[in-house]
Amino acid sequence: MADQKPAAAHSQTLSRGLRALEILAEASEPISIAELAAALGLHRSIAYRILRTLEDHRLVLRDDRGLLLLGPRMAALARGVQRSLQAAALPELTAAARDLGMTAFLVVLDSDECVTLASVEPPPGPATIAQRPGTRHSIMVGAPGLAIQSVLTDDEWAGLGLGRARRPEASEAARRGYATSRDEVVPGLAAVAVPLRLPGHAPAALAVVHVAGRERDPAPVGARLAEAADRIRGELG
């Protein structure tokens, strides 16, 4: 029993460090140590010790105001995540963003959340939307979530442990091959997404996002994304 206490403490420290990275990734701008401590629910001195370890590994940096942001080492680590999928998707995201004039991005399912793995903005134009890698939202909202819902088996859905039925829009997405959403993840934004299933990879989706009100027929947008998904499947065999 005595041997279990240090292991538990180490696991707790690791968990807190990982949560700190998640908080920084989700923040829209650099935050203070006090803000990080509050978000972690920890005393500032404990948060500071966690922060020092993350800084030692260049996972976290401080700007000229002393505020915290993710460091370049995080980008190096991220490049190794789903490397083959990112490599196959980036050219297709780039082409889709250019053709559609919208930010195109790839999301993967992580537990019951959709996480942006890669994103490409279109050539400079009015109202370009940034979609940062690492951004996450519930599978229950947004076009990417609906697209992934549309291709999960009943066992996969039950395995998410949500205790909820799929949204009715998922059935419609399965029928027509693409999903749409508006004002769900971010107010004022709309999205179109198609599912992307690949052997050996988590369920995923390709999507574009644009300012709501600049309406376009979603059918050709969905068809263009479906073409990109087909090419990615072909590239990865």
Protein backbone atom coordinates (compact mmCIF):
# COMPACT_ATOMS: atom_id res chain seq x y z
CA MET A 1 0.00 0.00 0.00
CA ALA A 2 2.87 2.38 0.78
CA ASP A 3 4.15 2.01 -2.77
CA GLN A 4 0.84 3.17 -4.24
CA LYS A 5 0.87 6.67 -2.75
CA PRO A 6 3.86 8.05 -4.74
CA ALA A 7 2.43 6.55 -7.95
CA ALA A 8 -0.90 8.23 -7.30
CA ALA A 9 0.82 11.56 -6.63
CA HIS A 10 2.85 11.28 -9.81
CA SER A 11 -0.28 10.49 -11.82
CA GLN A 12 -2.02 13.50 -10.31
CA THR A 13 0.90 15.77 -11.19
CA LEU A 14 0.97 14.48 -14.76
CA SER A 15 -2.79 14.92 -15.05
CA ARG A 16 -2.54 18.51 -13.83
CA GLY A 17 0.26 19.27 -16.27
CA LEU A 18 -1.71 17.86 -19.18
CA ARG A 19 -4.79 19.79 -18.10
CA ALA A 20 -2.70 22.98 -17.99
CA LEU A 21 -1.68 22.39 -21.60
CA GLU A 22 -5.32 21.86 -22.56
CA ILE A 23 -6.34 25.13 -20.87
CA LEU A 24 -3.63 27.05 -22.73
CA ALA A 25 -4.61 25.42 -26.02
CA GLU A 26 -8.25 26.41 -25.52
CA ALA A 27 -7.45 30.00 -24.50
CA SER A 28 -8.01 32.60 -27.22
CA GLU A 29 -5.06 34.66 -25.95
CA PRO A 30 -2.15 34.35 -23.48
CA ILE A 31 -3.24 34.05 -19.85
CA SER A 32 -1.68 34.84 -16.48
CA ILE A 33 -0.43 32.36 -13.89
CA ALA A 34 -3.33 33.41 -11.64
CA GLU A 35 -5.82 32.63 -14.42
CA LEU A 36 -4.20 29.26 -15.05
CA ALA A 37 -4.27 28.43 -11.33
CA ALA A 38 -7.95 29.38 -11.14
CA ALA A 39 -8.80 27.26 -14.16
CA LEU A 40 -6.95 24.32 -12.61
CA GLY A 41 -8.57 24.91 -9.22
CA LEU A 42 -5.14 24.98 -7.56
CA HIS A 43 -3.19 27.32 -5.32
CA ARG A 44 -0.94 29.59 -7.33
CA SER A 45 2.23 28.05 -5.85
CA ILE A 46 1.23 24.58 -7.05
CA ALA A 47 0.32 25.88 -10.50
CA TYR A 48 3.68 27.64 -10.63
CA ARG A 49 5.58 24.39 -9.96
CA ILE A 50 3.67 22.67 -12.76
CA LEU A 51 4.34 25.62 -15.04
CA ARG A 52 8.10 25.54 -14.36
CA THR A 53 8.29 21.90 -15.49
CA LEU A 54 6.36 22.69 -18.67
CA GLU A 55 8.65 25.65 -19.32
CA ASP A 56 11.73 23.48 -18.83
CA HIS A 57 10.48 21.27 -21.66
CA ARG A 58 9.64 24.29 -23.85
CA LEU A 59 5.99 23.27 -23.90
CA VAL A 60 4.99 26.63 -22.40
CA LEU A 61 6.50 30.09 -22.88
CA ARG A 62 5.88 33.56 -21.43
CA ASP A 63 5.44 36.61 -23.62
CA ASP A 64 6.97 40.03 -22.88
CA ARG A 65 4.13 40.72 -20.43
CA GLY A 66 4.79 37.50 -18.51
CA LEU A 67 1.62 35.87 -19.81
CA LEU A 68 1.54 32.17 -20.70
CA LEU A 69 1.21 30.58 -24.11
CA LEU A 70 2.04 27.25 -25.70
CA GLY A 71 5.67 26.90 -26.80
CA PRO A 72 7.18 25.70 -30.08
CA ARG A 73 7.84 22.24 -28.68
CA MET A 74 4.09 21.64 -28.73
CA ALA A 75 4.06 22.19 -32.49
CA ALA A 76 6.84 19.64 -32.89
CA LEU A 77 4.88 17.10 -30.86
CA ALA A 78 1.68 17.84 -32.78
CA ARG A 79 3.35 17.07 -36.09
CA GLY A 80 3.67 13.47 -34.97
CA VAL A 81 -0.05 13.07 -34.27
CA GLN A 82 -1.79 11.14 -37.04
CA ARG A 83 1.18 12.03 -39.25
CA SER A 84 0.07 10.03 -42.30
CA LEU A 85 -3.47 11.41 -42.11
CA GLN A 86 -2.22 15.00 -41.82
CA ALA A 87 0.19 14.52 -44.73
CA ALA A 88 -2.57 13.15 -46.96
CA ALA A 89 -5.14 15.74 -45.85
CA LEU A 90 -3.15 18.98 -46.07
CA PRO A 91 -2.94 19.16 -49.90
CA GLU A 92 -6.66 18.44 -50.14
CA LEU A 93 -7.51 21.00 -47.46
CA THR A 94 -5.39 23.57 -49.29
CA ALA A 95 -7.14 22.91 -52.60
CA ALA A 96 -10.61 22.92 -51.02
CA ALA A 97 -9.92 26.18 -49.16
CA ARG A 98 -8.77 27.78 -52.42
CA ASP A 99 -11.68 26.45 -54.49
CA LEU A 100 -14.39 27.28 -51.96
CA GLY A 101 -12.91 30.45 -50.49
CA MET A 102 -13.46 29.12 -46.98
CA THR A 103 -11.26 27.85 -44.18
CA ALA A 104 -11.01 24.07 -44.55
CA PHE A 105 -10.12 21.78 -41.68
CA LEU A 106 -9.80 18.18 -40.58
CA VAL A 107 -11.26 16.97 -37.29
CA VAL A 108 -10.87 13.62 -35.55
CA LEU A 109 -13.00 12.03 -32.86
CA ASP A 110 -11.35 12.03 -29.43
CA SER A 111 -13.62 10.32 -26.91
CA ASP A 112 -16.86 12.30 -27.35
CA GLU A 113 -15.25 15.44 -28.78
CA CYS A 114 -14.22 16.64 -32.23
CA VAL A 115 -10.65 17.94 -32.27
CA THR A 116 -9.21 19.99 -35.12
CA LEU A 117 -6.08 18.24 -36.38
CA ALA A 118 -5.19 20.51 -39.32
CA SER A 119 -6.56 23.70 -40.84
CA VAL A 120 -5.93 25.74 -43.99
CA GLU A 121 -7.24 29.24 -44.60
CA PRO A 122 -8.15 30.41 -48.11
CA PRO A 123 -6.18 33.06 -50.01
CA PRO A 124 -6.62 36.49 -48.36
CA GLY A 125 -10.14 37.77 -48.63
CA PRO A 126 -12.97 39.29 -46.60
CA ALA A 127 -13.91 37.72 -43.26
CA THR A 128 -11.43 34.85 -43.25
CA ILE A 129 -12.12 32.50 -40.33
CA ALA A 130 -9.26 31.05 -38.28
CA GLN A 131 -9.70 27.46 -37.05
CA ARG A 132 -6.78 26.60 -34.80
CA PRO A 133 -5.48 23.02 -34.56
CA GLY A 134 -6.32 21.70 -31.12
CA THR A 135 -9.73 23.39 -31.06
CA ARG A 136 -12.33 20.98 -29.72
CA HIS A 137 -16.07 20.77 -29.27
CA SER A 138 -18.66 18.16 -28.37
CA ILE A 139 -19.69 15.63 -31.01
CA MET A 140 -23.26 16.74 -30.30
CA VAL A 141 -22.78 20.13 -31.96
CA GLY A 142 -21.48 21.44 -35.26
CA ALA A 143 -21.36 20.02 -38.78
CA PRO A 144 -18.22 17.92 -38.11
CA GLY A 145 -19.92 16.33 -35.10
CA LEU A 146 -23.03 15.54 -37.12
CA ALA A 147 -20.95 14.12 -40.00
CA ILE A 148 -19.10 11.78 -37.63
CA GLN A 149 -22.35 10.80 -35.89
CA SER A 150 -23.73 9.80 -39.28
CA VAL A 151 -21.15 7.02 -39.81
CA LEU A 152 -20.66 5.59 -36.31
CA THR A 153 -22.04 2.11 -35.70
CA ASP A 154 -24.53 1.59 -32.90
CA ASP A 155 -21.82 -0.07 -30.81
CA GLU A 156 -19.42 2.82 -31.41
CA TRP A 157 -22.09 5.32 -30.43
CA ALA A 158 -22.94 3.42 -27.25
CA GLY A 159 -19.22 3.23 -26.46
CA LEU A 160 -19.02 7.02 -26.24
CA GLY A 161 -21.03 6.81 -23.03
CA LEU A 162 -23.09 9.89 -23.72
CA GLY A 163 -26.36 8.29 -22.68
CA ARG A 164 -28.09 10.24 -25.44
CA ALA A 165 -29.49 9.45 -28.85
CA ARG A 166 -27.84 10.83 -31.97
CA ARG A 167 -29.27 14.06 -33.24
CA PRO A 168 -31.96 13.63 -35.93
CA GLU A 169 -29.79 15.69 -38.30
CA ALA A 170 -27.26 12.83 -38.31
CA SER A 171 -29.72 10.64 -40.23
CA GLU A 172 -30.20 13.42 -42.77
CA ALA A 173 -26.44 13.77 -43.08
CA ALA A 174 -26.11 10.03 -43.70
CA ARG A 175 -28.74 10.23 -46.45
CA ARG A 176 -27.27 13.17 -48.36
CA GLY A 177 -23.58 12.61 -47.55
CA TYR A 178 -22.85 15.90 -45.77
CA ALA A 179 -23.88 17.79 -42.65
CA THR A 180 -24.53 21.48 -42.03
CA SER A 181 -24.69 23.66 -38.95
CA ARG A 182 -25.18 27.31 -38.09
CA ASP A 183 -24.58 29.24 -34.86
CA GLU A 184 -23.76 26.04 -32.98
CA VAL A 185 -20.06 25.96 -32.09
CA VAL A 186 -19.42 29.69 -32.58
CA PRO A 187 -22.29 32.19 -32.93
CA GLY A 188 -22.30 33.82 -36.34
CA LEU A 189 -20.51 30.98 -38.10
CA ALA A 190 -21.83 28.21 -40.34
CA ALA A 191 -20.17 25.00 -41.47
CA VAL A 192 -20.45 22.12 -43.91
CA ALA A 193 -18.76 18.76 -43.25
CA VAL A 194 -18.42 15.25 -44.68
CA PRO A 195 -17.36 12.10 -42.82
CA LEU A 196 -13.97 10.49 -43.34
CA ARG A 197 -13.50 6.89 -42.22
CA LEU A 198 -10.15 5.19 -42.67
CA PRO A 199 -8.88 1.82 -41.41
CA GLY A 200 -6.59 2.27 -38.45
CA HIS A 201 -7.65 5.87 -37.80
CA ALA A 202 -10.22 7.45 -35.52
CA PRO A 203 -13.47 8.55 -37.19
CA ALA A 204 -12.90 11.95 -38.78
CA ALA A 205 -14.52 14.64 -40.90
CA LEU A 206 -13.51 17.27 -43.43
CA ALA A 207 -15.23 20.62 -43.01
CA VAL A 208 -15.33 24.24 -44.07
CA VAL A 209 -16.47 27.19 -41.99
CA HIS A 210 -17.76 30.59 -43.10
CA VAL A 211 -19.60 33.60 -41.78
CA ALA A 212 -23.31 32.88 -41.46
CA GLY A 213 -25.31 35.10 -43.77
CA ARG A 214 -22.93 34.72 -46.69
CA GLU A 215 -25.15 31.89 -47.82
CA ARG A 216 -24.12 29.30 -50.40
CA ASP A 217 -25.85 26.17 -51.57
CA PRO A 218 -24.35 23.52 -49.26
CA ALA A 219 -24.78 20.68 -51.78
CA PRO A 220 -21.86 21.63 -54.07
CA VAL A 221 -19.74 22.48 -51.03
CA GLY A 222 -20.45 19.03 -49.63
CA ALA A 223 -19.67 17.46 -53.01
CA ARG A 224 -16.31 19.25 -53.15
CA LEU A 225 -15.45 18.04 -49.66
CA ALA A 226 -16.52 14.50 -50.59
CA GLU A 227 -14.06 14.62 -53.51
CA ALA A 228 -11.30 15.62 -51.11
CA ALA A 229 -12.25 12.79 -48.74
CA ASP A 230 -12.15 10.29 -51.62
CA ARG A 231 -8.66 11.44 -52.57
CA ILE A 232 -7.44 11.12 -48.99
CA ARG A 233 -8.83 7.58 -48.81
CA GLY A 234 -7.09 6.78 -52.09
CA GLU A 235 -3.80 8.22 -50.84
CA LEU A 236 -3.91 6.17 -47.64
CA GLY A 237 -5.12 3.04 -49.39
